[in-house]
Amino acid sequence: MCVPNIEPPTEKAASYVTIIRILAVLQFIVGALGVSSDNYYIPHGIFGIFLAFVLFMAQKVLSHQLIIVQLMLSIYFML
């Protein structure tokens, strides 16, 4: 599946894309640590890696819907 890379229309949008990229990397690191740390956190780590993938796709296609879905899933599973 080839996902087109959409260029941000403004400088402010480009700064938001950079923030989303940083958050995706941090989410991936936290998910990887969850998988490698203990048996109890393996499902949380796998889900964290999935959420990092969602953030990566959101910054690639500049989709606000994907960001909202990622936030709602993160908040739901955090509680």
N, C-alpha and C. Protein backbone atom coordinates (compact mmCIF):
# COMPACT_ATOMS: atom_id res chain seq x y z
N MET A 1 0.85 -1.17 0.00
CA MET A 1 0.00 0.00 0.00
C MET A 1 0.89 1.24 0.00
N CYS A 2 0.71 2.07 -0.96
CA CYS A 2 1.51 3.27 -1.07
C CYS A 2 0.70 4.46 -0.54
N VAL A 3 1.24 5.09 0.50
CA VAL A 3 0.57 6.24 1.11
C VAL A 3 1.26 7.50 0.62
N PRO A 4 0.51 8.42 0.00
CA PRO A 4 1.17 9.63 -0.49
C PRO A 4 1.58 10.54 0.67
N ASN A 5 2.71 11.19 0.52
CA ASN A 5 3.18 12.12 1.52
C ASN A 5 2.66 13.51 1.16
N ILE A 6 1.81 14.08 1.99
CA ILE A 6 1.21 15.37 1.74
C ILE A 6 2.06 16.44 2.41
N GLU A 7 2.39 17.48 1.68
CA GLU A 7 3.18 18.58 2.22
C GLU A 7 2.28 19.50 3.05
N PRO A 8 2.73 19.92 4.23
CA PRO A 8 1.96 20.86 5.04
C PRO A 8 1.81 22.20 4.32
N PRO A 9 0.61 22.79 4.35
CA PRO A 9 0.39 24.03 3.60
C PRO A 9 1.04 25.26 4.23
N THR A 10 1.24 25.28 5.53
CA THR A 10 1.80 26.46 6.19
C THR A 10 2.94 26.05 7.11
N GLU A 11 3.66 27.05 7.61
CA GLU A 11 4.75 26.79 8.56
C GLU A 11 4.23 26.23 9.88
N LYS A 12 3.07 26.73 10.30
CA LYS A 12 2.48 26.23 11.55
C LYS A 12 2.11 24.76 11.42
N ALA A 13 1.55 24.39 10.28
CA ALA A 13 1.21 22.98 10.04
C ALA A 13 2.47 22.13 10.01
N ALA A 14 3.55 22.66 9.45
CA ALA A 14 4.81 21.91 9.42
C ALA A 14 5.36 21.70 10.82
N SER A 15 5.19 22.68 11.70
CA SER A 15 5.64 22.50 13.08
C SER A 15 4.80 21.45 13.80
N TYR A 16 3.51 21.39 13.50
CA TYR A 16 2.65 20.36 14.10
C TYR A 16 3.03 18.97 13.60
N VAL A 17 3.40 18.86 12.35
CA VAL A 17 3.84 17.57 11.81
C VAL A 17 5.11 17.12 12.53
N THR A 18 6.01 18.04 12.80
CA THR A 18 7.23 17.70 13.53
C THR A 18 6.91 17.22 14.94
N ILE A 19 5.96 17.87 15.59
CA ILE A 19 5.54 17.44 16.94
C ILE A 19 4.93 16.04 16.89
N ILE A 20 4.11 15.77 15.88
CA ILE A 20 3.49 14.45 15.75
C ILE A 20 4.56 13.39 15.50
N ARG A 21 5.59 13.71 14.72
CA ARG A 21 6.67 12.75 14.49
C ARG A 21 7.40 12.43 15.79
N ILE A 22 7.66 13.44 16.60
CA ILE A 22 8.32 13.22 17.89
C ILE A 22 7.46 12.36 18.79
N LEU A 23 6.15 12.64 18.82
CA LEU A 23 5.24 11.84 19.64
C LEU A 23 5.16 10.39 19.16
N ALA A 24 5.21 10.19 17.84
CA ALA A 24 5.18 8.82 17.31
C ALA A 24 6.43 8.05 17.72
N VAL A 25 7.58 8.69 17.68
CA VAL A 25 8.81 8.02 18.10
C VAL A 25 8.76 7.70 19.59
N LEU A 26 8.31 8.65 20.40
CA LEU A 26 8.19 8.40 21.84
C LEU A 26 7.18 7.29 22.13
N GLN A 27 6.07 7.27 21.41
CA GLN A 27 5.06 6.22 21.59
C GLN A 27 5.65 4.86 21.24
N PHE A 28 6.43 4.81 20.16
CA PHE A 28 7.07 3.55 19.77
C PHE A 28 8.06 3.08 20.83
N ILE A 29 8.84 4.01 21.39
CA ILE A 29 9.81 3.64 22.43
C ILE A 29 9.10 3.11 23.67
N VAL A 30 8.03 3.79 24.08
CA VAL A 30 7.28 3.33 25.26
C VAL A 30 6.64 1.96 24.99
N GLY A 31 6.11 1.75 23.78
CA GLY A 31 5.55 0.45 23.44
C GLY A 31 6.59 -0.64 23.43
N ALA A 32 7.78 -0.34 22.89
CA ALA A 32 8.85 -1.34 22.87
C ALA A 32 9.32 -1.66 24.28
N LEU A 33 9.39 -0.66 25.14
CA LEU A 33 9.77 -0.92 26.54
C LEU A 33 8.70 -1.75 27.25
N GLY A 34 7.43 -1.51 26.92
CA GLY A 34 6.35 -2.30 27.51
C GLY A 34 6.42 -3.76 27.10
N VAL A 35 6.80 -4.01 25.85
CA VAL A 35 6.91 -5.39 25.38
C VAL A 35 8.11 -6.08 26.02
N SER A 36 9.21 -5.36 26.18
CA SER A 36 10.43 -6.00 26.67
C SER A 36 10.53 -6.06 28.19
N SER A 37 9.66 -5.37 28.92
CA SER A 37 9.86 -5.27 30.36
C SER A 37 9.33 -6.47 31.15
N ASP A 38 8.07 -6.82 30.95
CA ASP A 38 7.48 -7.84 31.83
C ASP A 38 6.29 -8.47 31.10
N ASN A 39 5.87 -9.65 31.57
CA ASN A 39 4.75 -10.33 30.94
C ASN A 39 3.44 -9.56 31.05
N TYR A 40 3.27 -8.81 32.13
CA TYR A 40 2.01 -8.08 32.35
C TYR A 40 1.83 -6.96 31.32
N TYR A 41 2.91 -6.34 30.87
CA TYR A 41 2.81 -5.17 30.01
C TYR A 41 2.91 -5.49 28.52
N ILE A 42 3.00 -6.76 28.14
CA ILE A 42 3.14 -7.10 26.73
C ILE A 42 1.94 -6.65 25.90
N PRO A 43 0.68 -6.90 26.32
CA PRO A 43 -0.44 -6.39 25.51
C PRO A 43 -0.46 -4.86 25.41
N HIS A 44 -0.09 -4.18 26.50
CA HIS A 44 -0.04 -2.72 26.47
C HIS A 44 1.05 -2.24 25.51
N GLY A 45 2.17 -2.94 25.49
CA GLY A 45 3.25 -2.56 24.59
C GLY A 45 2.89 -2.76 23.13
N ILE A 46 2.22 -3.87 22.83
CA ILE A 46 1.79 -4.12 21.45
C ILE A 46 0.78 -3.07 21.02
N PHE A 47 -0.14 -2.72 21.92
CA PHE A 47 -1.11 -1.68 21.60
C PHE A 47 -0.42 -0.32 21.45
N GLY A 48 0.61 -0.06 22.24
CA GLY A 48 1.37 1.18 22.11
C GLY A 48 2.08 1.28 20.78
N ILE A 49 2.62 0.17 20.30
CA ILE A 49 3.25 0.16 18.98
C ILE A 49 2.22 0.40 17.90
N PHE A 50 1.02 -0.17 18.05
CA PHE A 50 -0.07 0.09 17.10
C PHE A 50 -0.43 1.57 17.09
N LEU A 51 -0.52 2.21 18.26
CA LEU A 51 -0.84 3.63 18.33
C LEU A 51 0.28 4.48 17.72
N ALA A 52 1.53 4.05 17.85
CA ALA A 52 2.63 4.76 17.20
C ALA A 52 2.49 4.68 15.69
N PHE A 53 2.06 3.53 15.18
CA PHE A 53 1.82 3.39 13.74
C PHE A 53 0.70 4.32 13.29
N VAL A 54 -0.37 4.44 14.10
CA VAL A 54 -1.48 5.35 13.76
C VAL A 54 -0.98 6.79 13.71
N LEU A 55 -0.14 7.19 14.67
CA LEU A 55 0.42 8.54 14.65
C LEU A 55 1.32 8.75 13.43
N PHE A 56 2.09 7.74 13.07
CA PHE A 56 2.95 7.85 11.89
C PHE A 56 2.10 8.06 10.64
N MET A 57 1.02 7.30 10.52
CA MET A 57 0.14 7.46 9.36
C MET A 57 -0.55 8.82 9.37
N ALA A 58 -0.90 9.32 10.56
CA ALA A 58 -1.56 10.62 10.65
C ALA A 58 -0.64 11.75 10.18
N GLN A 59 0.63 11.69 10.55
CA GLN A 59 1.54 12.75 10.11
C GLN A 59 1.88 12.60 8.63
N LYS A 60 1.77 11.39 8.11
CA LYS A 60 2.08 11.17 6.69
C LYS A 60 0.99 11.74 5.78
N VAL A 61 -0.28 11.57 6.18
CA VAL A 61 -1.38 12.02 5.33
C VAL A 61 -2.09 13.25 5.90
N LEU A 62 -1.58 13.80 7.00
CA LEU A 62 -2.16 14.98 7.66
C LEU A 62 -3.65 14.80 7.95
N SER A 63 -3.97 13.71 8.62
CA SER A 63 -5.36 13.38 8.91
C SER A 63 -5.69 13.68 10.36
N HIS A 64 -6.59 14.62 10.56
CA HIS A 64 -7.01 14.95 11.92
C HIS A 64 -7.87 13.84 12.52
N GLN A 65 -8.59 13.10 11.69
CA GLN A 65 -9.42 12.01 12.19
C GLN A 65 -8.57 10.93 12.83
N LEU A 66 -7.43 10.60 12.24
CA LEU A 66 -6.55 9.59 12.82
C LEU A 66 -5.98 10.05 14.15
N ILE A 67 -5.67 11.33 14.27
CA ILE A 67 -5.14 11.84 15.53
C ILE A 67 -6.21 11.77 16.61
N ILE A 68 -7.45 12.09 16.27
CA ILE A 68 -8.54 12.03 17.25
C ILE A 68 -8.78 10.58 17.69
N VAL A 69 -8.76 9.64 16.75
CA VAL A 69 -8.93 8.23 17.09
C VAL A 69 -7.80 7.76 18.00
N GLN A 70 -6.57 8.17 17.70
CA GLN A 70 -5.43 7.78 18.53
C GLN A 70 -5.57 8.34 19.93
N LEU A 71 -5.99 9.59 20.05
CA LEU A 71 -6.16 10.20 21.37
C LEU A 71 -7.27 9.49 22.17
N MET A 72 -8.38 9.20 21.53
CA MET A 72 -9.50 8.55 22.22
C MET A 72 -9.10 7.15 22.68
N LEU A 73 -8.40 6.40 21.84
CA LEU A 73 -7.96 5.06 22.23
C LEU A 73 -6.93 5.12 23.36
N SER A 74 -6.02 6.09 23.29
CA SER A 74 -5.02 6.22 24.34
C SER A 74 -5.66 6.55 25.68
N ILE A 75 -6.61 7.48 25.67
CA ILE A 75 -7.28 7.86 26.91
C ILE A 75 -8.11 6.71 27.45
N TYR A 76 -8.81 5.99 26.56
CA TYR A 76 -9.65 4.87 27.01
C TYR A 76 -8.81 3.78 27.67
N PHE A 77 -7.69 3.42 27.05
CA PHE A 77 -6.87 2.33 27.59
C PHE A 77 -5.98 2.80 28.72
N MET A 78 -5.82 4.10 28.89
CA MET A 78 -5.06 4.60 30.03
C MET A 78 -5.88 4.47 31.31
N LEU A 79 -7.19 4.62 31.20
CA LEU A 79 -8.05 4.53 32.37
C LEU A 79 -8.21 3.12 32.76
